Amino acid sequence: MGTAMDLTHSGVNNVKLWNYGSPRVGNTEFANYVDTYIADHHRVTHHKDMVPHTPMHERFTHIDGEWYQPADDLVIQECFGNEDDNCSYQWHFTSIQDHLYYLGLHLGASEENCVAFI
């Protein structure tokens, strides 16, 4: 997200931001700032991925533009606002395994199944 902000402030037009399983990185003012200055921004979350739930939401807020993958298939749904109760925000018990599997790809390296190394 920092690179996208740097590009925007350097005068680059049409910056597109996609992030996957990202944590909350700023307060509400920061989230609103990103929402205003990077018009084409999206964040993808997978089921009960624990990383989007960090740090706690009392002091940190997601940018809007969430696309939620509720299961392990390739279906995603559009969410609304910064923390949509129908998307990843609905979960109180989370999973690290859901952070390692996005859109049909196992992320990271393991001896059993290394489809993609990111």
C-alpha atoms as a PDB file:
ATOM      1  CA  MET A   1       0.000   0.000   0.000  1.00  0.00           C
ATOM      2  CA  GLY A   2       2.908   2.332   0.706  1.00  0.00           C
ATOM      3  CA  THR A   3       4.213   1.983  -2.847  1.00  0.00           C
ATOM      4  CA  ALA A   4       0.785   2.792  -4.265  1.00  0.00           C
ATOM      5  CA  MET A   5       0.656   5.919  -2.104  1.00  0.00           C
ATOM      6  CA  ASP A   6       4.190   6.906  -3.192  1.00  0.00           C
ATOM      7  CA  LEU A   7       3.293   6.499  -6.862  1.00  0.00           C
ATOM      8  CA  THR A   8       0.131   8.550  -6.436  1.00  0.00           C
ATOM      9  CA  HIS A   9       2.014  11.361  -4.682  1.00  0.00           C
ATOM     10  CA  SER A  10       4.693  11.283  -7.409  1.00  0.00           C
ATOM     11  CA  GLY A  11       2.058  12.123  -9.999  1.00  0.00           C
ATOM     12  CA  VAL A  12       1.485   8.656 -11.451  1.00  0.00           C
ATOM     13  CA  ASN A  13      -2.093   8.378 -12.659  1.00  0.00           C
ATOM     14  CA  ASN A  14      -4.362   5.338 -12.649  1.00  0.00           C
ATOM     15  CA  VAL A  15      -2.638   3.484  -9.797  1.00  0.00           C
ATOM     16  CA  LYS A  16      -4.404   0.189  -9.072  1.00  0.00           C
ATOM     17  CA  LEU A  17      -4.013  -1.482  -5.695  1.00  0.00           C
ATOM     18  CA  TRP A  18      -4.843  -5.139  -4.950  1.00  0.00           C
ATOM     19  CA  ASN A  19      -3.764  -6.762  -1.717  1.00  0.00           C
ATOM     20  CA  TYR A  20      -4.446 -10.208  -0.311  1.00  0.00           C
ATOM     21  CA  GLY A  21      -4.851 -11.052   3.362  1.00  0.00           C
ATOM     22  CA  SER A  22      -3.472  -7.742   4.558  1.00  0.00           C
ATOM     23  CA  PRO A  23      -3.633  -6.541   8.154  1.00  0.00           C
ATOM     24  CA  ARG A  24      -5.143  -3.222   9.178  1.00  0.00           C
ATOM     25  CA  VAL A  25      -2.345  -0.737   8.574  1.00  0.00           C
ATOM     26  CA  GLY A  26      -3.682   2.564   9.843  1.00  0.00           C
ATOM     27  CA  ASN A  27      -6.359   4.425  11.722  1.00  0.00           C
ATOM     28  CA  THR A  28      -9.686   5.625  10.293  1.00  0.00           C
ATOM     29  CA  GLU A  29      -8.156   8.851   8.981  1.00  0.00           C
ATOM     30  CA  PHE A  30      -5.497   6.870   7.098  1.00  0.00           C
ATOM     31  CA  ALA A  31      -8.090   4.492   5.642  1.00  0.00           C
ATOM     32  CA  ASN A  32     -10.193   7.438   4.464  1.00  0.00           C
ATOM     33  CA  TYR A  33      -7.089   9.054   2.948  1.00  0.00           C
ATOM     34  CA  VAL A  34      -6.274   5.919   0.922  1.00  0.00           C
ATOM     35  CA  ASP A  35      -9.929   5.573  -0.098  1.00  0.00           C
ATOM     36  CA  THR A  36      -9.826   9.150  -1.413  1.00  0.00           C
ATOM     37  CA  TYR A  37      -6.469   9.200  -3.219  1.00  0.00           C
ATOM     38  CA  ILE A  38      -6.292   5.688  -4.692  1.00  0.00           C
ATOM     39  CA  ALA A  39      -9.633   5.348  -6.424  1.00  0.00           C
ATOM     40  CA  ASP A  40      -9.018   1.825  -7.788  1.00  0.00           C
ATOM     41  CA  HIS A  41      -8.168  -0.174  -4.647  1.00  0.00           C
ATOM     42  CA  HIS A  42      -9.230  -3.639  -3.535  1.00  0.00           C
ATOM     43  CA  ARG A  43      -8.376  -6.068  -0.760  1.00  0.00           C
ATOM     44  CA  VAL A  44      -9.130  -9.776  -0.941  1.00  0.00           C
ATOM     45  CA  THR A  45      -9.819 -11.827   2.195  1.00  0.00           C
ATOM     46  CA  HIS A  46     -10.237 -15.597   2.510  1.00  0.00           C
ATOM     47  CA  HIS A  47     -12.783 -17.117   4.903  1.00  0.00           C
ATOM     48  CA  LYS A  48     -11.351 -16.985   8.461  1.00  0.00           C
ATOM     49  CA  ASP A  49      -7.868 -15.680   7.581  1.00  0.00           C
ATOM     50  CA  MET A  50      -6.442 -14.373  10.832  1.00  0.00           C
ATOM     51  CA  VAL A  51      -4.171 -11.666   9.388  1.00  0.00           C
ATOM     52  CA  PRO A  52      -6.965  -9.245   8.332  1.00  0.00           C
ATOM     53  CA  HIS A  53      -8.101  -9.304  11.981  1.00  0.00           C
ATOM     54  CA  THR A  54      -4.819  -7.803  13.180  1.00  0.00           C
ATOM     55  CA  PRO A  55      -4.184  -5.435  14.799  1.00  0.00           C
ATOM     56  CA  MET A  56      -7.372  -5.012  16.803  1.00  0.00           C
ATOM     57  CA  HIS A  57     -10.041  -2.846  15.204  1.00  0.00           C
ATOM     58  CA  GLU A  58     -10.394  -0.493  18.170  1.00  0.00           C
ATOM     59  CA  ARG A  59      -7.432   1.564  16.911  1.00  0.00           C
ATOM     60  CA  PHE A  60      -6.953   0.388  13.316  1.00  0.00           C
ATOM     61  CA  THR A  61      -9.257   0.351  10.297  1.00  0.00           C
ATOM     62  CA  HIS A  62      -9.161  -1.380   6.914  1.00  0.00           C
ATOM     63  CA  ILE A  63      -9.443   0.522   3.682  1.00  0.00           C
ATOM     64  CA  ASP A  64     -12.715  -0.231   1.920  1.00  0.00           C
ATOM     65  CA  GLY A  65     -12.950  -2.336  -1.239  1.00  0.00           C
ATOM     66  CA  GLU A  66     -12.994  -5.816   0.335  1.00  0.00           C
ATOM     67  CA  TRP A  67     -13.680  -8.866  -1.821  1.00  0.00           C
ATOM     68  CA  TYR A  68     -14.401 -11.894   0.387  1.00  0.00           C
ATOM     69  CA  GLN A  69     -13.778 -15.550  -0.481  1.00  0.00           C
ATOM     70  CA  PRO A  70     -16.135 -17.366   1.952  1.00  0.00           C
ATOM     71  CA  ALA A  71     -14.936 -20.901   1.159  1.00  0.00           C
ATOM     72  CA  ASP A  72     -12.112 -22.692  -0.668  1.00  0.00           C
ATOM     73  CA  ASP A  73     -13.782 -22.462  -4.082  1.00  0.00           C
ATOM     74  CA  LEU A  74     -13.158 -19.558  -6.444  1.00  0.00           C
ATOM     75  CA  VAL A  75     -16.314 -17.619  -5.605  1.00  0.00           C
ATOM     76  CA  ILE A  76     -15.790 -14.153  -4.129  1.00  0.00           C
ATOM     77  CA  GLN A  77     -18.341 -11.591  -3.005  1.00  0.00           C
ATOM     78  CA  GLU A  78     -18.151  -7.822  -2.927  1.00  0.00           C
ATOM     79  CA  CYS A  79     -18.244  -6.225   0.520  1.00  0.00           C
ATOM     80  CA  PHE A  80     -19.134  -2.694   1.535  1.00  0.00           C
ATOM     81  CA  GLY A  81     -17.506  -0.185   3.871  1.00  0.00           C
ATOM     82  CA  ASN A  82     -14.349  -0.653   5.886  1.00  0.00           C
ATOM     83  CA  GLU A  83     -15.540  -3.567   8.076  1.00  0.00           C
ATOM     84  CA  ASP A  84     -18.508  -5.467   6.566  1.00  0.00           C
ATOM     85  CA  ASP A  85     -20.304  -7.790   9.032  1.00  0.00           C
ATOM     86  CA  ASN A  86     -21.145 -10.142   6.135  1.00  0.00           C
ATOM     87  CA  CYS A  87     -17.522 -10.637   5.135  1.00  0.00           C
ATOM     88  CA  SER A  88     -14.273 -11.436   6.993  1.00  0.00           C
ATOM     89  CA  TYR A  89     -15.243  -9.146   9.875  1.00  0.00           C
ATOM     90  CA  GLN A  90     -17.950 -11.616  10.958  1.00  0.00           C
ATOM     91  CA  TRP A  91     -15.425 -14.114  12.374  1.00  0.00           C
ATOM     92  CA  HIS A  92     -14.104 -14.107  15.932  1.00  0.00           C
ATOM     93  CA  PHE A  93     -12.229 -17.408  15.652  1.00  0.00           C
ATOM     94  CA  THR A  94      -9.693 -17.313  12.862  1.00  0.00           C
ATOM     95  CA  SER A  95      -7.276 -19.611  11.021  1.00  0.00           C
ATOM     96  CA  ILE A  96      -3.695 -19.294   9.811  1.00  0.00           C
ATOM     97  CA  GLN A  97      -4.442 -21.987   7.209  1.00  0.00           C
ATOM     98  CA  ASP A  98      -6.925 -19.659   5.541  1.00  0.00           C
ATOM     99  CA  HIS A  99      -4.120 -17.107   5.180  1.00  0.00           C
ATOM    100  CA  LEU A 100      -2.050 -19.635   3.249  1.00  0.00           C
ATOM    101  CA  TYR A 101      -4.720 -20.474   0.654  1.00  0.00           C
ATOM    102  CA  TYR A 102      -6.097 -17.810  -1.684  1.00  0.00           C
ATOM    103  CA  LEU A 103      -8.078 -18.212  -4.901  1.00  0.00           C
ATOM    104  CA  GLY A 104      -7.126 -21.851  -5.347  1.00  0.00           C
ATOM    105  CA  LEU A 105      -3.419 -21.444  -4.607  1.00  0.00           C
ATOM    106  CA  HIS A 106      -1.471 -22.702  -1.603  1.00  0.00           C
ATOM    107  CA  LEU A 107       0.897 -19.895  -0.697  1.00  0.00           C
ATOM    108  CA  GLY A 108       4.298 -20.491   0.787  1.00  0.00           C
ATOM    109  CA  ALA A 109       6.461 -23.573   0.658  1.00  0.00           C
ATOM    110  CA  SER A 110       5.871 -27.027   2.033  1.00  0.00           C
ATOM    111  CA  GLU A 111       7.137 -30.465   1.122  1.00  0.00           C
ATOM    112  CA  GLU A 112       3.611 -31.811   0.566  1.00  0.00           C
ATOM    113  CA  ASN A 113       2.109 -29.210  -1.729  1.00  0.00           C
ATOM    114  CA  CYS A 114       3.934 -26.216  -3.065  1.00  0.00           C
ATOM    115  CA  VAL A 115       1.741 -24.845  -5.849  1.00  0.00           C
ATOM    116  CA  ALA A 116       3.075 -21.305  -5.578  1.00  0.00           C
ATOM    117  CA  PHE A 117       5.867 -19.686  -3.656  1.00  0.00           C
ATOM    118  CA  ILE A 118       5.162 -16.058  -2.868  1.00  0.00           C
END
